[in-house]
ModelCIF file with pLDDT and N, C-alpha, C, O atoms, coordinates in Angstrom:
data_MODEL
#
_entry.id   MODEL 
#
_entity.id                         1 
_entity.type                       polymer 
_entity.pdbx_number_of_molecules   1 
#
_entity_poly.entity_id                      1 
_entity_poly.type                           'polypeptide(L)' 
_entity_poly.nstd_linkage                   no 
_entity_poly.nstd_monomer                   no 
_entity_poly.pdbx_seq_one_letter_code       AEHIDSMIVLLQSPAYAPAGRTGNRFKGAKGLSSATVNRILDCLQS 
_entity_poly.pdbx_seq_one_letter_code_can   AEHIDSMIVLLQSPAYAPAGRTGNRFKGAKGLSSATVNRILDCLQS 
_entity_poly.pdbx_strand_id                 A 
#
loop_
_entity_poly_seq.entity_id 
_entity_poly_seq.num 
_entity_poly_seq.mon_id 
_entity_poly_seq.hetero 
1 1  ALA n 
1 2  GLU n 
1 3  HIS n 
1 4  ILE n 
1 5  ASP n 
1 6  SER n 
1 7  MET n 
1 8  ILE n 
1 9  VAL n 
1 10 LEU n 
1 11 LEU n 
1 12 GLN n 
1 13 SER n 
1 14 PRO n 
1 15 ALA n 
1 16 TYR n 
1 17 ALA n 
1 18 PRO n 
1 19 ALA n 
1 20 GLY n 
1 21 ARG n 
1 22 THR n 
1 23 GLY n 
1 24 ASN n 
1 25 ARG n 
1 26 PHE n 
1 27 LYS n 
1 28 GLY n 
1 29 ALA n 
1 30 LYS n 
1 31 GLY n 
1 32 LEU n 
1 33 SER n 
1 34 SER n 
1 35 ALA n 
1 36 THR n 
1 37 VAL n 
1 38 ASN n 
1 39 ARG n 
1 40 ILE n 
1 41 LEU n 
1 42 ASP n 
1 43 CYS n 
1 44 LEU n 
1 45 GLN n 
1 46 SER n 
#
_struct_asym.id          A 
_struct_asym.entity_id   1 
#
loop_
_ma_qa_metric.id 
_ma_qa_metric.mode 
_ma_qa_metric.name 
_ma_qa_metric.software_group_id 
_ma_qa_metric.type 
1 global pLDDT . pLDDT 
2 local  pLDDT . pLDDT 
#
_ma_qa_metric_global.metric_id      1 
_ma_qa_metric_global.metric_value   82.24 
_ma_qa_metric_global.model_id       1 
_ma_qa_metric_global.ordinal_id     1 
#
loop_
_ma_qa_metric_local.label_asym_id 
_ma_qa_metric_local.label_comp_id 
_ma_qa_metric_local.label_seq_id 
_ma_qa_metric_local.metric_id 
_ma_qa_metric_local.metric_value 
_ma_qa_metric_local.model_id 
_ma_qa_metric_local.ordinal_id 
A ALA 1  2 95.00 1 1  
A GLU 2  2 95.00 1 2  
A HIS 3  2 96.00 1 3  
A ILE 4  2 96.00 1 4  
A ASP 5  2 95.00 1 5  
A SER 6  2 94.00 1 6  
A MET 7  2 95.00 1 7  
A ILE 8  2 95.00 1 8  
A VAL 9  2 93.00 1 9  
A LEU 10 2 93.00 1 10 
A LEU 11 2 94.00 1 11 
A GLN 12 2 91.00 1 12 
A SER 13 2 91.00 1 13 
A PRO 14 2 87.00 1 14 
A ALA 15 2 85.00 1 15 
A TYR 16 2 90.00 1 16 
A ALA 17 2 85.00 1 17 
A PRO 18 2 86.00 1 18 
A ALA 19 2 72.00 1 19 
A GLY 20 2 66.00 1 20 
A ARG 21 2 62.00 1 21 
A THR 22 2 52.00 1 22 
A GLY 23 2 46.00 1 23 
A ASN 24 2 40.00 1 24 
A ARG 25 2 47.00 1 25 
A PHE 26 2 46.00 1 26 
A LYS 27 2 45.00 1 27 
A GLY 28 2 43.00 1 28 
A ALA 29 2 53.00 1 29 
A LYS 30 2 69.00 1 30 
A GLY 31 2 82.00 1 31 
A LEU 32 2 90.00 1 32 
A SER 33 2 89.00 1 33 
A SER 34 2 90.00 1 34 
A ALA 35 2 88.00 1 35 
A THR 36 2 92.00 1 36 
A VAL 37 2 95.00 1 37 
A ASN 38 2 94.00 1 38 
A ARG 39 2 94.00 1 39 
A ILE 40 2 96.00 1 40 
A LEU 41 2 96.00 1 41 
A ASP 42 2 95.00 1 42 
A CYS 43 2 96.00 1 43 
A LEU 44 2 97.00 1 44 
A GLN 45 2 96.00 1 45 
A SER 46 2 96.00 1 46 
#
loop_
_atom_site.group_PDB 
_atom_site.id 
_atom_site.type_symbol 
_atom_site.label_atom_id 
_atom_site.label_alt_id 
_atom_site.label_comp_id 
_atom_site.label_asym_id 
_atom_site.label_entity_id 
_atom_site.label_seq_id 
_atom_site.pdbx_PDB_ins_code 
_atom_site.Cartn_x 
_atom_site.Cartn_y 
_atom_site.Cartn_z 
_atom_site.occupancy 
_atom_site.B_iso_or_equiv 
_atom_site.pdbx_formal_charge 
_atom_site.auth_seq_id 
_atom_site.auth_comp_id 
_atom_site.auth_asym_id 
_atom_site.auth_atom_id 
_atom_site.pdbx_PDB_model_num 
ATOM 1   N N  . ALA A 1 1  ? -77.443 -38.587 -117.809 1.00 95.00 ? 1  ALA A N  1 
ATOM 2   C CA . ALA A 1 1  ? -78.177 -37.813 -118.815 1.00 95.00 ? 1  ALA A CA 1 
ATOM 3   C C  . ALA A 1 1  ? -77.501 -37.897 -120.172 1.00 95.00 ? 1  ALA A C  1 
ATOM 4   O O  . ALA A 1 1  ? -78.169 -37.872 -121.205 1.00 95.00 ? 1  ALA A O  1 
ATOM 5   N N  . GLU A 1 2  ? -76.154 -38.000 -120.171 1.00 95.00 ? 2  GLU A N  1 
ATOM 6   C CA . GLU A 1 2  ? -75.419 -38.085 -121.439 1.00 95.00 ? 2  GLU A CA 1 
ATOM 7   C C  . GLU A 1 2  ? -75.764 -39.350 -122.216 1.00 95.00 ? 2  GLU A C  1 
ATOM 8   O O  . GLU A 1 2  ? -75.813 -39.331 -123.446 1.00 95.00 ? 2  GLU A O  1 
ATOM 9   N N  . HIS A 1 3  ? -76.003 -40.450 -121.501 1.00 96.00 ? 3  HIS A N  1 
ATOM 10  C CA . HIS A 1 3  ? -76.435 -41.685 -122.173 1.00 96.00 ? 3  HIS A CA 1 
ATOM 11  C C  . HIS A 1 3  ? -77.778 -41.463 -122.864 1.00 96.00 ? 3  HIS A C  1 
ATOM 12  O O  . HIS A 1 3  ? -77.993 -41.890 -123.998 1.00 96.00 ? 3  HIS A O  1 
ATOM 13  N N  . ILE A 1 4  ? -78.669 -40.788 -122.154 1.00 96.00 ? 4  ILE A N  1 
ATOM 14  C CA . ILE A 1 4  ? -80.009 -40.552 -122.701 1.00 96.00 ? 4  ILE A CA 1 
ATOM 15  C C  . ILE A 1 4  ? -79.944 -39.570 -123.868 1.00 96.00 ? 4  ILE A C  1 
ATOM 16  O O  . ILE A 1 4  ? -80.675 -39.725 -124.847 1.00 96.00 ? 4  ILE A O  1 
ATOM 17  N N  . ASP A 1 5  ? -79.076 -38.559 -123.773 1.00 95.00 ? 5  ASP A N  1 
ATOM 18  C CA . ASP A 1 5  ? -78.890 -37.625 -124.888 1.00 95.00 ? 5  ASP A CA 1 
ATOM 19  C C  . ASP A 1 5  ? -78.438 -38.369 -126.146 1.00 95.00 ? 5  ASP A C  1 
ATOM 20  O O  . ASP A 1 5  ? -78.930 -38.099 -127.242 1.00 95.00 ? 5  ASP A O  1 
ATOM 21  N N  . SER A 1 6  ? -77.499 -39.305 -125.987 1.00 94.00 ? 6  SER A N  1 
ATOM 22  C CA . SER A 1 6  ? -77.014 -40.091 -127.129 1.00 94.00 ? 6  SER A CA 1 
ATOM 23  C C  . SER A 1 6  ? -78.129 -40.957 -127.701 1.00 94.00 ? 6  SER A C  1 
ATOM 24  O O  . SER A 1 6  ? -78.225 -41.140 -128.914 1.00 94.00 ? 6  SER A O  1 
ATOM 25  N N  . MET A 1 7  ? -78.973 -41.489 -126.813 1.00 95.00 ? 7  MET A N  1 
ATOM 26  C CA . MET A 1 7  ? -80.103 -42.304 -127.273 1.00 95.00 ? 7  MET A CA 1 
ATOM 27  C C  . MET A 1 7  ? -81.059 -41.464 -128.116 1.00 95.00 ? 7  MET A C  1 
ATOM 28  O O  . MET A 1 7  ? -81.555 -41.930 -129.141 1.00 95.00 ? 7  MET A O  1 
ATOM 29  N N  . ILE A 1 8  ? -81.317 -40.236 -127.693 1.00 95.00 ? 8  ILE A N  1 
ATOM 30  C CA . ILE A 1 8  ? -82.220 -39.353 -128.443 1.00 95.00 ? 8  ILE A CA 1 
ATOM 31  C C  . ILE A 1 8  ? -81.688 -39.107 -129.847 1.00 95.00 ? 8  ILE A C  1 
ATOM 32  O O  . ILE A 1 8  ? -82.445 -39.147 -130.817 1.00 95.00 ? 8  ILE A O  1 
ATOM 33  N N  . VAL A 1 9  ? -80.373 -38.851 -129.960 1.00 93.00 ? 9  VAL A N  1 
ATOM 34  C CA . VAL A 1 9  ? -79.756 -38.622 -131.276 1.00 93.00 ? 9  VAL A CA 1 
ATOM 35  C C  . VAL A 1 9  ? -79.959 -39.845 -132.158 1.00 93.00 ? 9  VAL A C  1 
ATOM 36  O O  . VAL A 1 9  ? -80.280 -39.717 -133.339 1.00 93.00 ? 9  VAL A O  1 
ATOM 37  N N  . LEU A 1 10 ? -79.773 -41.023 -131.588 1.00 93.00 ? 10 LEU A N  1 
ATOM 38  C CA . LEU A 1 10 ? -79.925 -42.257 -132.368 1.00 93.00 ? 10 LEU A CA 1 
ATOM 39  C C  . LEU A 1 10 ? -81.376 -42.473 -132.778 1.00 93.00 ? 10 LEU A C  1 
ATOM 40  O O  . LEU A 1 10 ? -81.647 -42.871 -133.911 1.00 93.00 ? 10 LEU A O  1 
ATOM 41  N N  . LEU A 1 11 ? -82.307 -42.214 -131.869 1.00 94.00 ? 11 LEU A N  1 
ATOM 42  C CA . LEU A 1 11 ? -83.727 -42.405 -132.181 1.00 94.00 ? 11 LEU A CA 1 
ATOM 43  C C  . LEU A 1 11 ? -84.165 -41.529 -133.354 1.00 94.00 ? 11 LEU A C  1 
ATOM 44  O O  . LEU A 1 11 ? -85.020 -41.930 -134.144 1.00 94.00 ? 11 LEU A O  1 
ATOM 45  N N  . GLN A 1 12 ? -83.585 -40.340 -133.468 1.00 91.00 ? 12 GLN A N  1 
ATOM 46  C CA . GLN A 1 12 ? -83.955 -39.415 -134.531 1.00 91.00 ? 12 GLN A CA 1 
ATOM 47  C C  . GLN A 1 12 ? -83.098 -39.565 -135.784 1.00 91.00 ? 12 GLN A C  1 
ATOM 48  O O  . GLN A 1 12 ? -83.262 -38.822 -136.752 1.00 91.00 ? 12 GLN A O  1 
ATOM 49  N N  . SER A 1 13 ? -82.187 -40.529 -135.756 1.00 91.00 ? 13 SER A N  1 
ATOM 50  C CA . SER A 1 13 ? -81.314 -40.751 -136.909 1.00 91.00 ? 13 SER A CA 1 
ATOM 51  C C  . SER A 1 13 ? -82.067 -41.465 -138.033 1.00 91.00 ? 13 SER A C  1 
ATOM 52  O O  . SER A 1 13 ? -82.868 -42.358 -137.756 1.00 91.00 ? 13 SER A O  1 
ATOM 53  N N  . PRO A 1 14 ? -81.827 -41.092 -139.296 1.00 87.00 ? 14 PRO A N  1 
ATOM 54  C CA . PRO A 1 14 ? -82.486 -41.778 -140.421 1.00 87.00 ? 14 PRO A CA 1 
ATOM 55  C C  . PRO A 1 14 ? -82.159 -43.260 -140.484 1.00 87.00 ? 14 PRO A C  1 
ATOM 56  O O  . PRO A 1 14 ? -82.905 -44.037 -141.079 1.00 87.00 ? 14 PRO A O  1 
ATOM 57  N N  . ALA A 1 15 ? -81.048 -43.657 -139.874 1.00 85.00 ? 15 ALA A N  1 
ATOM 58  C CA . ALA A 1 15 ? -80.635 -45.063 -139.933 1.00 85.00 ? 15 ALA A CA 1 
ATOM 59  C C  . ALA A 1 15 ? -81.297 -45.910 -138.853 1.00 85.00 ? 15 ALA A C  1 
ATOM 60  O O  . ALA A 1 15 ? -81.140 -47.131 -138.842 1.00 85.00 ? 15 ALA A O  1 
ATOM 61  N N  . TYR A 1 16 ? -82.030 -45.276 -137.949 1.00 90.00 ? 16 TYR A N  1 
ATOM 62  C CA . TYR A 1 16 ? -82.575 -46.027 -136.809 1.00 90.00 ? 16 TYR A CA 1 
ATOM 63  C C  . TYR A 1 16 ? -83.791 -46.855 -137.200 1.00 90.00 ? 16 TYR A C  1 
ATOM 64  O O  . TYR A 1 16 ? -84.674 -46.398 -137.926 1.00 90.00 ? 16 TYR A O  1 
ATOM 65  N N  . ALA A 1 17 ? -83.810 -48.084 -136.700 1.00 85.00 ? 17 ALA A N  1 
ATOM 66  C CA . ALA A 1 17 ? -84.980 -48.954 -136.813 1.00 85.00 ? 17 ALA A CA 1 
ATOM 67  C C  . ALA A 1 17 ? -85.131 -49.680 -135.490 1.00 85.00 ? 17 ALA A C  1 
ATOM 68  O O  . ALA A 1 17 ? -84.145 -50.204 -134.970 1.00 85.00 ? 17 ALA A O  1 
ATOM 69  N N  . PRO A 1 18 ? -86.330 -49.730 -134.926 1.00 86.00 ? 18 PRO A N  1 
ATOM 70  C CA . PRO A 1 18 ? -86.544 -50.421 -133.661 1.00 86.00 ? 18 PRO A CA 1 
ATOM 71  C C  . PRO A 1 18 ? -86.098 -51.873 -133.731 1.00 86.00 ? 18 PRO A C  1 
ATOM 72  O O  . PRO A 1 18 ? -86.060 -52.462 -134.811 1.00 86.00 ? 18 PRO A O  1 
ATOM 73  N N  . ALA A 1 19 ? -85.766 -52.445 -132.599 1.00 72.00 ? 19 ALA A N  1 
ATOM 74  C CA . ALA A 1 19 ? -85.277 -53.820 -132.538 1.00 72.00 ? 19 ALA A CA 1 
ATOM 75  C C  . ALA A 1 19 ? -86.267 -54.779 -133.191 1.00 72.00 ? 19 ALA A C  1 
ATOM 76  O O  . ALA A 1 19 ? -87.452 -54.790 -132.856 1.00 72.00 ? 19 ALA A O  1 
ATOM 77  N N  . GLY A 1 20 ? -85.770 -55.575 -134.119 1.00 66.00 ? 20 GLY A N  1 
ATOM 78  C CA . GLY A 1 20 ? -86.601 -56.568 -134.775 1.00 66.00 ? 20 GLY A CA 1 
ATOM 79  C C  . GLY A 1 20 ? -87.478 -56.030 -135.882 1.00 66.00 ? 20 GLY A C  1 
ATOM 80  O O  . GLY A 1 20 ? -88.247 -56.783 -136.480 1.00 66.00 ? 20 GLY A O  1 
ATOM 81  N N  . ARG A 1 21 ? -87.377 -54.724 -136.172 1.00 62.00 ? 21 ARG A N  1 
ATOM 82  C CA . ARG A 1 21 ? -88.194 -54.114 -137.229 1.00 62.00 ? 21 ARG A CA 1 
ATOM 83  C C  . ARG A 1 21 ? -87.287 -53.717 -138.394 1.00 62.00 ? 21 ARG A C  1 
ATOM 84  O O  . ARG A 1 21 ? -86.564 -52.723 -138.318 1.00 62.00 ? 21 ARG A O  1 
ATOM 85  N N  . THR A 1 22 ? -87.334 -54.495 -139.459 1.00 52.00 ? 22 THR A N  1 
ATOM 86  C CA . THR A 1 22 ? -86.491 -54.195 -140.624 1.00 52.00 ? 22 THR A CA 1 
ATOM 87  C C  . THR A 1 22 ? -87.311 -54.160 -141.905 1.00 52.00 ? 22 THR A C  1 
ATOM 88  O O  . THR A 1 22 ? -86.754 -54.198 -143.002 1.00 52.00 ? 22 THR A O  1 
ATOM 89  N N  . GLY A 1 23 ? -88.624 -54.087 -141.772 1.00 46.00 ? 23 GLY A N  1 
ATOM 90  C CA . GLY A 1 23 ? -89.497 -54.124 -142.951 1.00 46.00 ? 23 GLY A CA 1 
ATOM 91  C C  . GLY A 1 23 ? -89.478 -52.832 -143.737 1.00 46.00 ? 23 GLY A C  1 
ATOM 92  O O  . GLY A 1 23 ? -88.744 -51.898 -143.413 1.00 46.00 ? 23 GLY A O  1 
ATOM 93  N N  . ASN A 1 24 ? -90.311 -52.791 -144.794 1.00 40.00 ? 24 ASN A N  1 
ATOM 94  C CA . ASN A 1 24 ? -90.362 -51.626 -145.685 1.00 40.00 ? 24 ASN A CA 1 
ATOM 95  C C  . ASN A 1 24 ? -90.766 -50.350 -144.961 1.00 40.00 ? 24 ASN A C  1 
ATOM 96  O O  . ASN A 1 24 ? -90.464 -49.246 -145.415 1.00 40.00 ? 24 ASN A O  1 
ATOM 97  N N  . ARG A 1 25 ? -91.447 -50.506 -143.834 1.00 47.00 ? 25 ARG A N  1 
ATOM 98  C CA . ARG A 1 25 ? -91.913 -49.341 -143.097 1.00 47.00 ? 25 ARG A CA 1 
ATOM 99  C C  . ARG A 1 25 ? -90.748 -48.436 -142.699 1.00 47.00 ? 25 ARG A C  1 
ATOM 100 O O  . ARG A 1 25 ? -90.924 -47.226 -142.556 1.00 47.00 ? 25 ARG A O  1 
ATOM 101 N N  . PHE A 1 26 ? -89.556 -49.020 -142.519 1.00 46.00 ? 26 PHE A N  1 
ATOM 102 C CA . PHE A 1 26 ? -88.436 -48.246 -142.029 1.00 46.00 ? 26 PHE A CA 1 
ATOM 103 C C  . PHE A 1 26 ? -87.405 -47.931 -143.104 1.00 46.00 ? 26 PHE A C  1 
ATOM 104 O O  . PHE A 1 26 ? -86.388 -47.304 -142.809 1.00 46.00 ? 26 PHE A O  1 
ATOM 105 N N  . LYS A 1 27 ? -87.645 -48.353 -144.354 1.00 45.00 ? 27 LYS A N  1 
ATOM 106 C CA . LYS A 1 27 ? -86.714 -48.031 -145.429 1.00 45.00 ? 27 LYS A CA 1 
ATOM 107 C C  . LYS A 1 27 ? -86.874 -46.570 -145.826 1.00 45.00 ? 27 LYS A C  1 
ATOM 108 O O  . LYS A 1 27 ? -87.978 -46.093 -146.089 1.00 45.00 ? 27 LYS A O  1 
ATOM 109 N N  . GLY A 1 28 ? -85.745 -45.875 -145.862 1.00 43.00 ? 28 GLY A N  1 
ATOM 110 C CA . GLY A 1 28 ? -85.790 -44.472 -146.247 1.00 43.00 ? 28 GLY A CA 1 
ATOM 111 C C  . GLY A 1 28 ? -86.460 -43.597 -145.220 1.00 43.00 ? 28 GLY A C  1 
ATOM 112 O O  . GLY A 1 28 ? -86.903 -42.494 -145.539 1.00 43.00 ? 28 GLY A O  1 
ATOM 113 N N  . ALA A 1 29 ? -86.542 -44.076 -143.972 1.00 53.00 ? 29 ALA A N  1 
ATOM 114 C CA . ALA A 1 29 ? -87.205 -43.306 -142.924 1.00 53.00 ? 29 ALA A CA 1 
ATOM 115 C C  . ALA A 1 29 ? -86.357 -42.111 -142.525 1.00 53.00 ? 29 ALA A C  1 
ATOM 116 O O  . ALA A 1 29 ? -85.160 -42.059 -142.809 1.00 53.00 ? 29 ALA A O  1 
ATOM 117 N N  . LYS A 1 30 ? -86.985 -41.157 -141.868 1.00 69.00 ? 30 LYS A N  1 
ATOM 118 C CA . LYS A 1 30 ? -86.287 -39.957 -141.416 1.00 69.00 ? 30 LYS A CA 1 
ATOM 119 C C  . LYS A 1 30 ? -86.010 -40.003 -139.925 1.00 69.00 ? 30 LYS A C  1 
ATOM 120 O O  . LYS A 1 30 ? -85.729 -38.971 -139.316 1.00 69.00 ? 30 LYS A O  1 
ATOM 121 N N  . GLY A 1 31 ? -86.084 -41.169 -139.338 1.00 82.00 ? 31 GLY A N  1 
ATOM 122 C CA . GLY A 1 31 ? -85.955 -41.275 -137.897 1.00 82.00 ? 31 GLY A CA 1 
ATOM 123 C C  . GLY A 1 31 ? -87.311 -41.083 -137.238 1.00 82.00 ? 31 GLY A C  1 
ATOM 124 O O  . GLY A 1 31 ? -88.281 -40.692 -137.887 1.00 82.00 ? 31 GLY A O  1 
ATOM 125 N N  . LEU A 1 32 ? -87.367 -41.360 -135.957 1.00 90.00 ? 32 LEU A N  1 
ATOM 126 C CA . LEU A 1 32 ? -88.637 -41.224 -135.249 1.00 90.00 ? 32 LEU A CA 1 
ATOM 127 C C  . LEU A 1 32 ? -88.992 -39.748 -135.068 1.00 90.00 ? 32 LEU A C  1 
ATOM 128 O O  . LEU A 1 32 ? -88.113 -38.898 -134.933 1.00 90.00 ? 32 LEU A O  1 
ATOM 129 N N  . SER A 1 33 ? -90.268 -39.466 -135.066 1.00 89.00 ? 33 SER A N  1 
ATOM 130 C CA . SER A 1 33 ? -90.722 -38.089 -134.872 1.00 89.00 ? 33 SER A CA 1 
ATOM 131 C C  . SER A 1 33 ? -90.445 -37.638 -133.445 1.00 89.00 ? 33 SER A C  1 
ATOM 132 O O  . SER A 1 33 ? -90.226 -38.460 -132.556 1.00 89.00 ? 33 SER A O  1 
ATOM 133 N N  . SER A 1 34 ? -90.457 -36.333 -133.237 1.00 90.00 ? 34 SER A N  1 
ATOM 134 C CA . SER A 1 34 ? -90.242 -35.790 -131.896 1.00 90.00 ? 34 SER A CA 1 
ATOM 135 C C  . SER A 1 34 ? -91.312 -36.280 -130.927 1.00 90.00 ? 34 SER A C  1 
ATOM 136 O O  . SER A 1 34 ? -91.023 -36.551 -129.761 1.00 90.00 ? 34 SER A O  1 
ATOM 137 N N  . ALA A 1 35 ? -92.539 -36.391 -131.409 1.00 88.00 ? 35 ALA A N  1 
ATOM 138 C CA . ALA A 1 35 ? -93.631 -36.853 -130.548 1.00 88.00 ? 35 ALA A CA 1 
ATOM 139 C C  . ALA A 1 35 ? -93.393 -38.290 -130.093 1.00 88.00 ? 35 ALA A C  1 
ATOM 140 O O  . ALA A 1 35 ? -93.626 -38.621 -128.930 1.00 88.00 ? 35 ALA A O  1 
ATOM 141 N N  . THR A 1 36 ? -92.926 -39.152 -131.014 1.00 92.00 ? 36 THR A N  1 
ATOM 142 C CA . THR A 1 36 ? -92.655 -40.544 -130.661 1.00 92.00 ? 36 THR A CA 1 
ATOM 143 C C  . THR A 1 36 ? -91.480 -40.638 -129.701 1.00 92.00 ? 36 THR A C  1 
ATOM 144 O O  . THR A 1 36 ? -91.524 -41.394 -128.731 1.00 92.00 ? 36 THR A O  1 
ATOM 145 N N  . VAL A 1 37 ? -90.428 -39.868 -129.971 1.00 95.00 ? 37 VAL A N  1 
ATOM 146 C CA . VAL A 1 37 ? -89.269 -39.859 -129.075 1.00 95.00 ? 37 VAL A CA 1 
ATOM 147 C C  . VAL A 1 37 ? -89.688 -39.415 -127.676 1.00 95.00 ? 37 VAL A C  1 
ATOM 148 O O  . VAL A 1 37 ? -89.227 -39.978 -126.683 1.00 95.00 ? 37 VAL A O  1 
ATOM 149 N N  . ASN A 1 38 ? -90.544 -38.425 -127.592 1.00 94.00 ? 38 ASN A N  1 
ATOM 150 C CA . ASN A 1 38 ? -90.978 -37.932 -126.282 1.00 94.00 ? 38 ASN A CA 1 
ATOM 151 C C  . ASN A 1 38 ? -91.839 -38.953 -125.546 1.00 94.00 ? 38 ASN A C  1 
ATOM 152 O O  . ASN A 1 38 ? -91.829 -38.992 -124.316 1.00 94.00 ? 38 ASN A O  1 
ATOM 153 N N  . ARG A 1 39 ? -92.580 -39.773 -126.275 1.00 94.00 ? 39 ARG A N  1 
ATOM 154 C CA . ARG A 1 39 ? -93.321 -40.855 -125.613 1.00 94.00 ? 39 ARG A CA 1 
ATOM 155 C C  . ARG A 1 39 ? -92.353 -41.868 -125.010 1.00 94.00 ? 39 ARG A C  1 
ATOM 156 O O  . ARG A 1 39 ? -92.583 -42.387 -123.917 1.00 94.00 ? 39 ARG A O  1 
ATOM 157 N N  . ILE A 1 40 ? -91.277 -42.142 -125.729 1.00 96.00 ? 40 ILE A N  1 
ATOM 158 C CA . ILE A 1 40 ? -90.248 -43.052 -125.214 1.00 96.00 ? 40 ILE A CA 1 
ATOM 159 C C  . ILE A 1 40 ? -89.606 -42.467 -123.964 1.00 96.00 ? 40 ILE A C  1 
ATOM 160 O O  . ILE A 1 40 ? -89.388 -43.173 -122.980 1.00 96.00 ? 40 ILE A O  1 
ATOM 161 N N  . LEU A 1 41 ? -89.304 -41.171 -124.008 1.00 96.00 ? 41 LEU A N  1 
ATOM 162 C CA . LEU A 1 41 ? -88.684 -40.506 -122.868 1.00 96.00 ? 41 LEU A CA 1 
ATOM 163 C C  . LEU A 1 41 ? -89.628 -40.423 -121.675 1.00 96.00 ? 41 LEU A C  1 
ATOM 164 O O  . LEU A 1 41 ? -89.191 -40.538 -120.529 1.00 96.00 ? 41 LEU A O  1 
ATOM 165 N N  . ASP A 1 42 ? -90.917 -40.225 -121.934 1.00 95.00 ? 42 ASP A N  1 
ATOM 166 C CA . ASP A 1 42 ? -91.894 -40.204 -120.849 1.00 95.00 ? 42 ASP A CA 1 
ATOM 167 C C  . ASP A 1 42 ? -91.932 -41.549 -120.127 1.00 95.00 ? 42 ASP A C  1 
ATOM 168 O O  . ASP A 1 42 ? -92.026 -41.612 -118.902 1.00 95.00 ? 42 ASP A O  1 
ATOM 169 N N  . CYS A 1 43 ? -91.856 -42.615 -120.909 1.00 96.00 ? 43 CYS A N  1 
ATOM 170 C CA . CYS A 1 43 ? -91.823 -43.965 -120.334 1.00 96.00 ? 43 CYS A CA 1 
ATOM 171 C C  . CYS A 1 43 ? -90.577 -44.135 -119.464 1.00 96.00 ? 43 CYS A C  1 
ATOM 172 O O  . CYS A 1 43 ? -90.659 -44.624 -118.337 1.00 96.00 ? 43 CYS A O  1 
ATOM 173 N N  . LEU A 1 44 ? -89.428 -43.729 -119.996 1.00 97.00 ? 44 LEU A N  1 
ATOM 174 C CA . LEU A 1 44 ? -88.172 -43.843 -119.241 1.00 97.00 ? 44 LEU A CA 1 
ATOM 175 C C  . LEU A 1 44 ? -88.213 -42.982 -117.982 1.00 97.00 ? 44 LEU A C  1 
ATOM 176 O O  . LEU A 1 44 ? -87.753 -43.407 -116.922 1.00 97.00 ? 44 LEU A O  1 
ATOM 177 N N  . GLN A 1 45 ? -88.757 -41.786 -118.094 1.00 96.00 ? 45 GLN A N  1 
ATOM 178 C CA . GLN A 1 45 ? -88.840 -40.894 -116.939 1.00 96.00 ? 45 GLN A CA 1 
ATOM 179 C C  . GLN A 1 45 ? -89.675 -41.505 -115.828 1.00 96.00 ? 45 GLN A C  1 
ATOM 180 O O  . GLN A 1 45 ? -89.322 -41.400 -114.654 1.00 96.00 ? 45 GLN A O  1 
ATOM 181 N N  . SER A 1 46 ? -90.773 -42.140 -116.189 1.00 96.00 ? 46 SER A N  1 
ATOM 182 C CA . SER A 1 46 ? -91.622 -42.785 -115.198 1.00 96.00 ? 46 SER A CA 1 
ATOM 183 C C  . SER A 1 46 ? -90.896 -43.948 -114.538 1.00 96.00 ? 46 SER A C  1 
ATOM 184 O O  . SER A 1 46 ? -91.460 -44.615 -113.670 1.00 96.00 ? 46 SER A O  1 
#
């Protein structure tokens, strides 16, 4: 669970950008929204 907790912190970090995504969409971002993070976690949980 601690690994997953660390992943959540990173996903919500302003510096985070998904793998291979470095375009303008992610410049100055505030990190992923809680809803998006929870979709990622739902996938992992399944």
